[in-house]
Amino acid sequence: MATLPTYNAPAFKSLGSYNAPTWDEEKIDAITQKRAAPGLRELRNQVQRATGRTYGSPQVTKMTLRAALQGYGAGISKVIGESSQAAANEYGKQYGYQITNAQSTYAAEADAAKAYNEYAGDTAKTQFAGAMKGYETESESEKLDKEYDLWKQRYDYTRSSETAPAPTPAPAVPFRWTPLGRA
């Protein structure tokens, strides 16, 4: 007797997880220091030139030193601000590339998993459809065999055209039942 096939669901791959790169403030600080170094060096040189000079009067020297140090403070603020902005822009571009790369990698992995899952699903469906067709064919064959057996049982005997020998005074029997294939 034919056994009904079962559908075997495939093991699907997960789409994975998206791992975005983390924003790194320390890298921005490092880039800021790198970009600020030339400006700070120039400010230090200017202050050293101003303090190394003598102006003859201690009050003029004092005022010059005070002005140089105020300018140094303002210059540091300006250099650090511009460097920080430039570093944020530079790191923002690098981070954008990292994000794009992470998104592309995730999309490629997700597409590969999706394609594999579709392939596995189609394969399982095709195998089940083939097994079901085989079951139907086998069931149809069994059904035909049963019908043939019923027909054979019903029509196992046939009329024989032979007449049975009878005594002369008695009338001849018109036919005799004999099993098929057996005489």
N, C-alpha and C. Protein backbone atom coordinates (compact mmCIF):
# COMPACT_ATOMS: atom_id res chain seq x y z
N MET A 1 0.85 -1.17 0.00
CA MET A 1 0.00 0.00 0.00
C MET A 1 0.89 1.24 0.00
N ALA A 2 0.52 2.21 -0.77
CA ALA A 2 1.31 3.43 -0.90
C ALA A 2 1.20 4.26 0.38
N THR A 3 2.33 4.82 0.77
CA THR A 3 2.31 5.68 1.95
C THR A 3 2.33 7.13 1.51
N LEU A 4 1.53 7.91 2.19
CA LEU A 4 1.41 9.32 1.87
C LEU A 4 2.72 10.03 2.22
N PRO A 5 3.32 10.80 1.29
CA PRO A 5 4.58 11.48 1.58
C PRO A 5 4.36 12.65 2.54
N THR A 6 5.41 13.01 3.25
CA THR A 6 5.35 14.17 4.14
C THR A 6 6.25 15.26 3.60
N TYR A 7 5.86 16.50 3.86
CA TYR A 7 6.65 17.65 3.42
C TYR A 7 7.75 17.89 4.43
N ASN A 8 8.99 17.89 3.98
CA ASN A 8 10.14 18.15 4.86
C ASN A 8 10.58 19.59 4.64
N ALA A 9 10.24 20.43 5.61
CA ALA A 9 10.62 21.85 5.50
C ALA A 9 12.13 21.99 5.62
N PRO A 10 12.73 22.79 4.76
CA PRO A 10 14.19 22.95 4.82
C PRO A 10 14.59 23.82 6.00
N ALA A 11 15.84 23.73 6.38
CA ALA A 11 16.40 24.59 7.43
C ALA A 11 16.82 25.90 6.75
N PHE A 12 16.13 26.96 7.07
CA PHE A 12 16.42 28.24 6.45
C PHE A 12 17.55 28.95 7.17
N LYS A 13 18.32 29.72 6.40
CA LYS A 13 19.39 30.54 6.97
C LYS A 13 18.77 31.84 7.47
N SER A 14 19.30 32.33 8.59
CA SER A 14 18.80 33.62 9.07
C SER A 14 19.47 34.74 8.27
N LEU A 15 18.81 35.87 8.24
CA LEU A 15 19.34 36.99 7.48
C LEU A 15 20.53 37.65 8.17
N GLY A 16 20.79 37.26 9.38
CA GLY A 16 21.91 37.83 10.10
C GLY A 16 21.50 39.14 10.75
N SER A 17 22.47 39.82 11.29
CA SER A 17 22.17 41.09 11.94
C SER A 17 23.07 42.16 11.36
N TYR A 18 22.54 43.37 11.39
CA TYR A 18 23.29 44.51 10.88
C TYR A 18 24.15 45.05 12.01
N ASN A 19 25.43 45.14 11.76
CA ASN A 19 26.37 45.66 12.77
C ASN A 19 26.94 46.98 12.27
N ALA A 20 26.34 48.04 12.75
CA ALA A 20 26.80 49.37 12.37
C ALA A 20 28.09 49.70 13.11
N PRO A 21 29.02 50.38 12.45
CA PRO A 21 30.23 50.79 13.16
C PRO A 21 29.89 51.84 14.22
N THR A 22 30.67 51.87 15.26
CA THR A 22 30.40 52.81 16.35
C THR A 22 31.12 54.12 16.10
N TRP A 23 30.49 55.19 16.52
CA TRP A 23 31.08 56.53 16.39
C TRP A 23 32.18 56.64 17.44
N ASP A 24 33.37 57.02 17.02
CA ASP A 24 34.52 57.03 17.91
C ASP A 24 35.00 58.46 18.14
N GLU A 25 34.66 59.01 19.30
CA GLU A 25 35.09 60.37 19.66
C GLU A 25 36.60 60.45 19.82
N GLU A 26 37.24 59.37 20.25
CA GLU A 26 38.69 59.39 20.43
C GLU A 26 39.42 59.59 19.10
N LYS A 27 38.87 59.04 18.04
CA LYS A 27 39.48 59.26 16.72
C LYS A 27 39.35 60.72 16.32
N ILE A 28 38.20 61.32 16.63
CA ILE A 28 38.02 62.74 16.32
C ILE A 28 39.03 63.57 17.10
N ASP A 29 39.23 63.22 18.38
CA ASP A 29 40.22 63.95 19.19
C ASP A 29 41.63 63.79 18.61
N ALA A 30 41.95 62.60 18.17
CA ALA A 30 43.28 62.36 17.60
C ALA A 30 43.47 63.16 16.31
N ILE A 31 42.42 63.19 15.48
CA ILE A 31 42.51 63.97 14.23
C ILE A 31 42.58 65.46 14.55
N THR A 32 41.84 65.89 15.57
CA THR A 32 41.87 67.30 15.98
C THR A 32 43.28 67.71 16.39
N GLN A 33 43.91 66.88 17.21
CA GLN A 33 45.28 67.19 17.64
C GLN A 33 46.24 67.24 16.46
N LYS A 34 46.04 66.32 15.55
CA LYS A 34 46.92 66.26 14.37
C LYS A 34 46.74 67.52 13.51
N ARG A 35 45.49 67.96 13.34
CA ARG A 35 45.21 69.14 12.52
C ARG A 35 45.60 70.45 13.24
N ALA A 36 45.53 70.45 14.58
CA ALA A 36 45.83 71.67 15.35
C ALA A 36 47.32 71.88 15.57
N ALA A 37 48.11 70.84 15.46
CA ALA A 37 49.54 70.93 15.78
C ALA A 37 50.28 72.03 15.03
N PRO A 38 50.12 72.17 13.71
CA PRO A 38 50.86 73.25 13.03
C PRO A 38 50.45 74.64 13.51
N GLY A 39 49.15 74.87 13.72
CA GLY A 39 48.69 76.18 14.19
C GLY A 39 49.18 76.50 15.58
N LEU A 40 49.17 75.50 16.47
CA LEU A 40 49.66 75.72 17.84
C LEU A 40 51.16 75.98 17.84
N ARG A 41 51.88 75.29 17.00
CA ARG A 41 53.33 75.50 16.91
C ARG A 41 53.62 76.93 16.47
N GLU A 42 52.86 77.42 15.51
CA GLU A 42 53.05 78.79 15.04
C GLU A 42 52.72 79.79 16.14
N LEU A 43 51.67 79.55 16.91
CA LEU A 43 51.33 80.45 18.03
C LEU A 43 52.44 80.47 19.07
N ARG A 44 52.98 79.33 19.40
CA ARG A 44 54.08 79.25 20.38
C ARG A 44 55.29 80.03 19.89
N ASN A 45 55.57 79.87 18.63
CA ASN A 45 56.72 80.61 18.06
C ASN A 45 56.50 82.13 18.16
N GLN A 46 55.29 82.59 17.90
CA GLN A 46 54.98 84.01 17.99
C GLN A 46 55.13 84.51 19.42
N VAL A 47 54.63 83.70 20.40
CA VAL A 47 54.75 84.11 21.80
C VAL A 47 56.22 84.14 22.22
N GLN A 48 56.99 83.18 21.79
CA GLN A 48 58.43 83.14 22.13
C GLN A 48 59.15 84.35 21.55
N ARG A 49 58.79 84.76 20.34
CA ARG A 49 59.41 85.95 19.75
C ARG A 49 59.05 87.20 20.54
N ALA A 50 57.78 87.25 20.97
CA ALA A 50 57.33 88.44 21.71
C ALA A 50 57.97 88.50 23.09
N THR A 51 58.14 87.37 23.74
CA THR A 51 58.72 87.38 25.09
C THR A 51 60.24 87.48 25.04
N GLY A 52 60.84 87.14 23.98
CA GLY A 52 62.30 87.19 23.88
C GLY A 52 62.82 88.58 23.62
N ARG A 53 62.01 89.49 23.21
CA ARG A 53 62.42 90.86 22.93
C ARG A 53 62.42 91.71 24.20
N THR A 54 63.26 92.69 24.18
CA THR A 54 63.26 93.68 25.26
C THR A 54 62.88 95.02 24.65
N TYR A 55 62.03 95.74 25.36
CA TYR A 55 61.54 97.01 24.82
C TYR A 55 62.09 98.23 25.58
N GLY A 56 62.96 98.04 26.46
CA GLY A 56 63.58 99.14 27.20
C GLY A 56 62.79 99.53 28.44
N SER A 57 61.52 99.58 28.39
CA SER A 57 60.68 99.96 29.53
C SER A 57 59.97 98.70 30.04
N PRO A 58 60.00 98.48 31.35
CA PRO A 58 59.31 97.31 31.86
C PRO A 58 57.80 97.35 31.63
N GLN A 59 57.23 98.55 31.60
CA GLN A 59 55.78 98.64 31.39
C GLN A 59 55.42 98.28 29.95
N VAL A 60 56.19 98.66 29.00
CA VAL A 60 55.94 98.31 27.60
C VAL A 60 56.12 96.80 27.43
N THR A 61 57.13 96.26 28.07
CA THR A 61 57.36 94.81 27.99
C THR A 61 56.18 94.07 28.59
N LYS A 62 55.68 94.61 29.72
CA LYS A 62 54.54 93.98 30.39
C LYS A 62 53.30 94.02 29.49
N MET A 63 53.03 95.19 28.90
CA MET A 63 51.85 95.33 28.02
C MET A 63 51.99 94.44 26.78
N THR A 64 53.17 94.37 26.23
CA THR A 64 53.41 93.53 25.05
C THR A 64 53.21 92.07 25.40
N LEU A 65 53.73 91.68 26.57
CA LEU A 65 53.57 90.30 27.00
C LEU A 65 52.10 89.97 27.25
N ARG A 66 51.37 90.92 27.88
CA ARG A 66 49.95 90.70 28.14
C ARG A 66 49.19 90.57 26.81
N ALA A 67 49.44 91.39 25.86
CA ALA A 67 48.76 91.36 24.56
C ALA A 67 49.12 90.06 23.82
N ALA A 68 50.39 89.66 23.93
CA ALA A 68 50.82 88.42 23.26
C ALA A 68 50.11 87.21 23.86
N LEU A 69 49.99 87.20 25.19
CA LEU A 69 49.32 86.06 25.83
C LEU A 69 47.81 86.06 25.55
N GLN A 70 47.18 87.25 25.47
CA GLN A 70 45.76 87.29 25.10
C GLN A 70 45.57 86.79 23.67
N GLY A 71 46.43 87.21 22.81
CA GLY A 71 46.37 86.74 21.42
C GLY A 71 46.63 85.25 21.33
N TYR A 72 47.53 84.77 22.18
CA TYR A 72 47.82 83.33 22.20
C TYR A 72 46.57 82.54 22.62
N GLY A 73 45.87 83.02 23.66
CA GLY A 73 44.65 82.36 24.12
C GLY A 73 43.57 82.35 23.04
N ALA A 74 43.38 83.51 22.40
CA ALA A 74 42.39 83.61 21.33
C ALA A 74 42.79 82.74 20.14
N GLY A 75 44.09 82.73 19.85
CA GLY A 75 44.58 81.91 18.74
C GLY A 75 44.39 80.42 19.00
N ILE A 76 44.65 80.01 20.26
CA ILE A 76 44.44 78.59 20.61
C ILE A 76 42.98 78.21 20.41
N SER A 77 42.10 79.08 20.89
CA SER A 77 40.66 78.81 20.76
C SER A 77 40.27 78.69 19.29
N LYS A 78 40.77 79.59 18.47
CA LYS A 78 40.44 79.58 17.04
C LYS A 78 41.02 78.33 16.36
N VAL A 79 42.28 78.02 16.63
CA VAL A 79 42.94 76.87 16.00
C VAL A 79 42.25 75.57 16.41
N ILE A 80 41.96 75.43 17.72
CA ILE A 80 41.31 74.20 18.20
C ILE A 80 39.91 74.08 17.60
N GLY A 81 39.16 75.18 17.54
CA GLY A 81 37.80 75.17 16.97
C GLY A 81 37.80 74.73 15.51
N GLU A 82 38.68 75.35 14.73
CA GLU A 82 38.76 75.01 13.29
C GLU A 82 39.25 73.57 13.11
N SER A 83 40.22 73.17 13.91
CA SER A 83 40.75 71.81 13.80
C SER A 83 39.69 70.79 14.19
N SER A 84 38.92 71.11 15.23
CA SER A 84 37.87 70.21 15.68
C SER A 84 36.79 70.05 14.60
N GLN A 85 36.43 71.16 13.97
CA GLN A 85 35.43 71.09 12.90
C GLN A 85 35.98 70.30 11.71
N ALA A 86 37.22 70.55 11.33
CA ALA A 86 37.83 69.81 10.23
C ALA A 86 37.94 68.32 10.56
N ALA A 87 38.28 68.01 11.82
CA ALA A 87 38.39 66.60 12.23
C ALA A 87 37.03 65.91 12.20
N ALA A 88 35.99 66.63 12.66
CA ALA A 88 34.64 66.04 12.64
C ALA A 88 34.21 65.77 11.20
N ASN A 89 34.51 66.71 10.29
CA ASN A 89 34.15 66.49 8.88
C ASN A 89 34.93 65.31 8.29
N GLU A 90 36.22 65.27 8.59
CA GLU A 90 37.07 64.20 8.06
C GLU A 90 36.60 62.84 8.60
N TYR A 91 36.38 62.78 9.92
CA TYR A 91 35.93 61.51 10.50
C TYR A 91 34.51 61.16 10.02
N GLY A 92 33.68 62.19 9.81
CA GLY A 92 32.33 61.95 9.29
C GLY A 92 32.37 61.27 7.93
N LYS A 93 33.29 61.69 7.08
CA LYS A 93 33.44 61.03 5.78
C LYS A 93 33.90 59.58 5.94
N GLN A 94 34.90 59.39 6.81
CA GLN A 94 35.39 58.03 7.06
C GLN A 94 34.26 57.16 7.62
N TYR A 95 33.50 57.72 8.56
CA TYR A 95 32.40 56.98 9.17
C TYR A 95 31.32 56.66 8.13
N GLY A 96 31.08 57.63 7.24
CA GLY A 96 30.11 57.39 6.15
C GLY A 96 30.53 56.22 5.28
N TYR A 97 31.83 56.14 4.98
CA TYR A 97 32.33 55.01 4.19
C TYR A 97 32.15 53.70 4.95
N GLN A 98 32.42 53.75 6.27
CA GLN A 98 32.25 52.54 7.08
C GLN A 98 30.78 52.11 7.12
N ILE A 99 29.88 53.08 7.25
CA ILE A 99 28.44 52.77 7.27
C ILE A 99 28.02 52.17 5.92
N THR A 100 28.46 52.79 4.84
CA THR A 100 28.12 52.28 3.51
C THR A 100 28.66 50.87 3.32
N ASN A 101 29.88 50.63 3.77
CA ASN A 101 30.49 49.31 3.67
C ASN A 101 29.70 48.29 4.50
N ALA A 102 29.32 48.66 5.72
CA ALA A 102 28.56 47.76 6.59
C ALA A 102 27.19 47.46 5.99
N GLN A 103 26.54 48.48 5.42
CA GLN A 103 25.23 48.28 4.79
C GLN A 103 25.35 47.38 3.57
N SER A 104 26.38 47.60 2.77
CA SER A 104 26.58 46.77 1.58
C SER A 104 26.86 45.33 1.96
N THR A 105 27.69 45.15 2.98
CA THR A 105 28.01 43.79 3.44
C THR A 105 26.76 43.10 3.95
N TYR A 106 25.97 43.80 4.75
CA TYR A 106 24.73 43.21 5.27
C TYR A 106 23.76 42.89 4.14
N ALA A 107 23.62 43.81 3.20
CA ALA A 107 22.70 43.59 2.09
C ALA A 107 23.13 42.37 1.27
N ALA A 108 24.44 42.23 1.04
CA ALA A 108 24.93 41.08 0.27
C ALA A 108 24.68 39.78 1.03
N GLU A 109 24.94 39.78 2.34
CA GLU A 109 24.70 38.57 3.14
C GLU A 109 23.22 38.25 3.21
N ALA A 110 22.39 39.28 3.36
CA ALA A 110 20.93 39.06 3.41
C ALA A 110 20.41 38.54 2.07
N ASP A 111 20.92 39.10 0.97
CA ASP A 111 20.51 38.61 -0.35
C ASP A 111 20.94 37.17 -0.57
N ALA A 112 22.14 36.83 -0.12
CA ALA A 112 22.61 35.44 -0.25
C ALA A 112 21.75 34.50 0.57
N ALA A 113 21.41 34.90 1.80
CA ALA A 113 20.55 34.06 2.64
C ALA A 113 19.16 33.94 2.03
N LYS A 114 18.64 35.03 1.50
CA LYS A 114 17.32 35.02 0.87
C LYS A 114 17.31 34.09 -0.34
N ALA A 115 18.36 34.18 -1.16
CA ALA A 115 18.45 33.31 -2.35
C ALA A 115 18.55 31.85 -1.92
N TYR A 116 19.35 31.57 -0.90
CA TYR A 116 19.47 30.20 -0.41
C TYR A 116 18.13 29.69 0.12
N ASN A 117 17.42 30.55 0.86
CA ASN A 117 16.13 30.15 1.41
C ASN A 117 15.11 29.87 0.31
N GLU A 118 15.12 30.71 -0.73
CA GLU A 118 14.21 30.47 -1.85
C GLU A 118 14.57 29.17 -2.56
N TYR A 119 15.87 28.92 -2.74
CA TYR A 119 16.31 27.69 -3.38
C TYR A 119 15.90 26.48 -2.55
N ALA A 120 16.14 26.55 -1.22
CA ALA A 120 15.80 25.43 -0.34
C ALA A 120 14.30 25.19 -0.33
N GLY A 121 13.51 26.27 -0.31
CA GLY A 121 12.06 26.13 -0.33
C GLY A 121 11.57 25.53 -1.64
N ASP A 122 12.13 26.00 -2.76
CA ASP A 122 11.74 25.45 -4.06
C ASP A 122 12.13 23.98 -4.18
N THR A 123 13.33 23.65 -3.68
CA THR A 123 13.79 22.25 -3.73
C THR A 123 12.86 21.36 -2.91
N ALA A 124 12.52 21.80 -1.71
CA ALA A 124 11.63 21.00 -0.85
C ALA A 124 10.26 20.85 -1.49
N LYS A 125 9.78 21.94 -2.09
CA LYS A 125 8.46 21.90 -2.74
C LYS A 125 8.49 20.94 -3.93
N THR A 126 9.55 21.02 -4.71
CA THR A 126 9.68 20.14 -5.88
C THR A 126 9.78 18.68 -5.46
N GLN A 127 10.57 18.41 -4.43
CA GLN A 127 10.70 17.03 -3.95
C GLN A 127 9.36 16.51 -3.42
N PHE A 128 8.63 17.35 -2.71
CA PHE A 128 7.33 16.93 -2.20
C PHE A 128 6.35 16.69 -3.35
N ALA A 129 6.38 17.58 -4.34
CA ALA A 129 5.48 17.41 -5.49
C ALA A 129 5.80 16.11 -6.23
N GLY A 130 7.09 15.79 -6.38
CA GLY A 130 7.47 14.53 -7.03
C GLY A 130 7.04 13.33 -6.21
N ALA A 131 7.22 13.40 -4.90
CA ALA A 131 6.80 12.28 -4.04
C ALA A 131 5.29 12.14 -4.08
N MET A 132 4.57 13.25 -4.11
CA MET A 132 3.11 13.20 -4.16
C MET A 132 2.65 12.62 -5.49
N LYS A 133 3.31 12.98 -6.57
CA LYS A 133 2.95 12.43 -7.89
C LYS A 133 3.21 10.92 -7.90
N GLY A 134 4.34 10.50 -7.31
CA GLY A 134 4.63 9.06 -7.21
C GLY A 134 3.57 8.35 -6.37
N TYR A 135 3.13 9.00 -5.29
CA TYR A 135 2.08 8.42 -4.44
C TYR A 135 0.78 8.28 -5.23
N GLU A 136 0.44 9.34 -5.96
CA GLU A 136 -0.79 9.30 -6.75
C GLU A 136 -0.71 8.22 -7.82
N THR A 137 0.44 8.10 -8.48
CA THR A 137 0.62 7.08 -9.51
C THR A 137 0.52 5.69 -8.89
N GLU A 138 1.19 5.50 -7.75
CA GLU A 138 1.16 4.20 -7.08
C GLU A 138 -0.25 3.90 -6.59
N SER A 139 -0.95 4.90 -6.06
CA SER A 139 -2.32 4.71 -5.60
C SER A 139 -3.23 4.36 -6.77
N GLU A 140 -3.02 5.05 -7.90
CA GLU A 140 -3.83 4.76 -9.09
C GLU A 140 -3.56 3.35 -9.57
N SER A 141 -2.30 2.93 -9.53
CA SER A 141 -1.93 1.57 -9.93
C SER A 141 -2.58 0.55 -9.00
N GLU A 142 -2.54 0.82 -7.69
CA GLU A 142 -3.18 -0.09 -6.74
C GLU A 142 -4.67 -0.14 -6.96
N LYS A 143 -5.26 1.01 -7.26
CA LYS A 143 -6.70 1.07 -7.51
C LYS A 143 -7.05 0.24 -8.74
N LEU A 144 -6.23 0.37 -9.79
CA LEU A 144 -6.47 -0.42 -11.01
C LEU A 144 -6.28 -1.91 -10.73
N ASP A 145 -5.27 -2.24 -9.90
CA ASP A 145 -5.07 -3.65 -9.54
C ASP A 145 -6.26 -4.20 -8.78
N LYS A 146 -6.81 -3.42 -7.87
CA LYS A 146 -7.98 -3.87 -7.11
C LYS A 146 -9.18 -4.05 -8.03
N GLU A 147 -9.36 -3.08 -8.94
CA GLU A 147 -10.48 -3.19 -9.88
C GLU A 147 -10.31 -4.42 -10.76
N TYR A 148 -9.07 -4.66 -11.18
CA TYR A 148 -8.83 -5.84 -12.01
C TYR A 148 -9.12 -7.11 -11.22
N ASP A 149 -8.70 -7.16 -9.95
CA ASP A 149 -8.96 -8.34 -9.12
C ASP A 149 -10.46 -8.55 -8.95
N LEU A 150 -11.20 -7.44 -8.74
CA LEU A 150 -12.67 -7.57 -8.64
C LEU A 150 -13.26 -8.09 -9.94
N TRP A 151 -12.79 -7.52 -11.04
CA TRP A 151 -13.29 -7.97 -12.35
C TRP A 151 -12.95 -9.44 -12.56
N LYS A 152 -11.73 -9.81 -12.20
CA LYS A 152 -11.28 -11.18 -12.38
C LYS A 152 -12.12 -12.13 -11.53
N GLN A 153 -12.43 -11.72 -10.28
CA GLN A 153 -13.26 -12.57 -9.43
C GLN A 153 -14.66 -12.70 -10.01
N ARG A 154 -15.18 -11.60 -10.50
CA ARG A 154 -16.53 -11.61 -11.03
C ARG A 154 -16.62 -12.42 -12.32
N TYR A 155 -15.62 -12.30 -13.14
CA TYR A 155 -15.65 -12.95 -14.44
C TYR A 155 -14.63 -14.08 -14.55
N ASP A 156 -14.34 -14.71 -13.42
CA ASP A 156 -13.35 -15.77 -13.39
C ASP A 156 -13.86 -16.98 -14.16
N TYR A 157 -15.10 -17.11 -14.14
CA TYR A 157 -15.68 -18.25 -14.85
C TYR A 157 -16.30 -17.76 -16.14
N THR A 158 -16.21 -18.56 -17.13
CA THR A 158 -16.78 -18.19 -18.43
C THR A 158 -17.61 -19.34 -18.95
N ARG A 159 -18.45 -19.04 -19.87
CA ARG A 159 -19.24 -20.10 -20.48
C ARG A 159 -18.38 -20.89 -21.43
N SER A 160 -18.55 -22.09 -21.36
CA SER A 160 -17.82 -22.94 -22.28
C SER A 160 -18.78 -23.37 -23.37
N SER A 161 -18.32 -23.39 -24.56
CA SER A 161 -19.20 -23.79 -25.67
C SER A 161 -19.32 -25.30 -25.76
N GLU A 162 -18.54 -25.96 -24.92
CA GLU A 162 -18.62 -27.42 -24.94
C GLU A 162 -19.91 -27.86 -24.25
N THR A 163 -20.41 -28.92 -24.69
CA THR A 163 -21.60 -29.50 -24.05
C THR A 163 -21.18 -30.71 -23.26
N ALA A 164 -21.84 -30.88 -22.21
CA ALA A 164 -21.51 -32.03 -21.37
C ALA A 164 -22.08 -33.30 -21.99
N PRO A 165 -21.33 -34.41 -21.92
CA PRO A 165 -21.89 -35.64 -22.48
C PRO A 165 -23.13 -36.06 -21.68
N ALA A 166 -24.09 -36.37 -22.37
CA ALA A 166 -25.34 -36.74 -21.70
C ALA A 166 -25.82 -38.10 -22.25
N PRO A 167 -26.62 -38.79 -21.47
CA PRO A 167 -27.18 -40.04 -21.99
C PRO A 167 -28.06 -39.75 -23.20
N THR A 168 -28.18 -40.65 -24.03
CA THR A 168 -28.91 -40.47 -25.27
C THR A 168 -30.35 -40.04 -25.04
N PRO A 169 -31.03 -40.68 -24.13
CA PRO A 169 -32.41 -40.22 -24.02
C PRO A 169 -32.52 -38.83 -23.40
N ALA A 170 -31.55 -38.42 -22.62
CA ALA A 170 -31.69 -37.12 -21.97
C ALA A 170 -31.20 -36.02 -22.91
N PRO A 171 -31.76 -34.85 -22.79
CA PRO A 171 -31.30 -33.77 -23.66
C PRO A 171 -29.88 -33.31 -23.26
N ALA A 172 -29.16 -32.81 -24.19
CA ALA A 172 -27.79 -32.35 -23.92
C ALA A 172 -27.82 -31.04 -23.13
N VAL A 173 -26.84 -30.90 -22.19
CA VAL A 173 -26.74 -29.65 -21.42
C VAL A 173 -26.15 -28.60 -22.35
N PRO A 174 -26.79 -27.47 -22.46
CA PRO A 174 -26.32 -26.49 -23.44
C PRO A 174 -24.93 -25.91 -23.14
N PHE A 175 -24.54 -25.78 -21.87
CA PHE A 175 -23.20 -25.26 -21.57
C PHE A 175 -22.76 -25.74 -20.21
N ARG A 176 -21.48 -25.54 -19.94
CA ARG A 176 -20.92 -25.94 -18.65
C ARG A 176 -20.00 -24.82 -18.18
N TRP A 177 -20.02 -24.48 -16.84
CA TRP A 177 -19.14 -23.46 -16.26
C TRP A 177 -17.80 -24.08 -15.95
N THR A 178 -16.76 -23.44 -16.44
CA THR A 178 -15.40 -23.90 -16.12
C THR A 178 -14.55 -22.69 -15.73
N PRO A 179 -13.66 -22.89 -14.75
CA PRO A 179 -12.79 -21.76 -14.38
C PRO A 179 -11.90 -21.37 -15.56
N LEU A 180 -11.58 -20.11 -15.60
CA LEU A 180 -10.74 -19.59 -16.68
C LEU A 180 -9.34 -20.20 -16.60
N GLY A 181 -8.84 -20.67 -17.68
CA GLY A 181 -7.50 -21.22 -17.71
C GLY A 181 -7.44 -22.62 -17.15
N ARG A 182 -8.52 -23.12 -16.68
CA ARG A 182 -8.54 -24.48 -16.18
C ARG A 182 -9.54 -25.26 -16.99
N ALA A 183 -9.16 -26.39 -17.50
CA ALA A 183 -10.08 -27.16 -18.33
C ALA A 183 -10.57 -28.40 -17.63
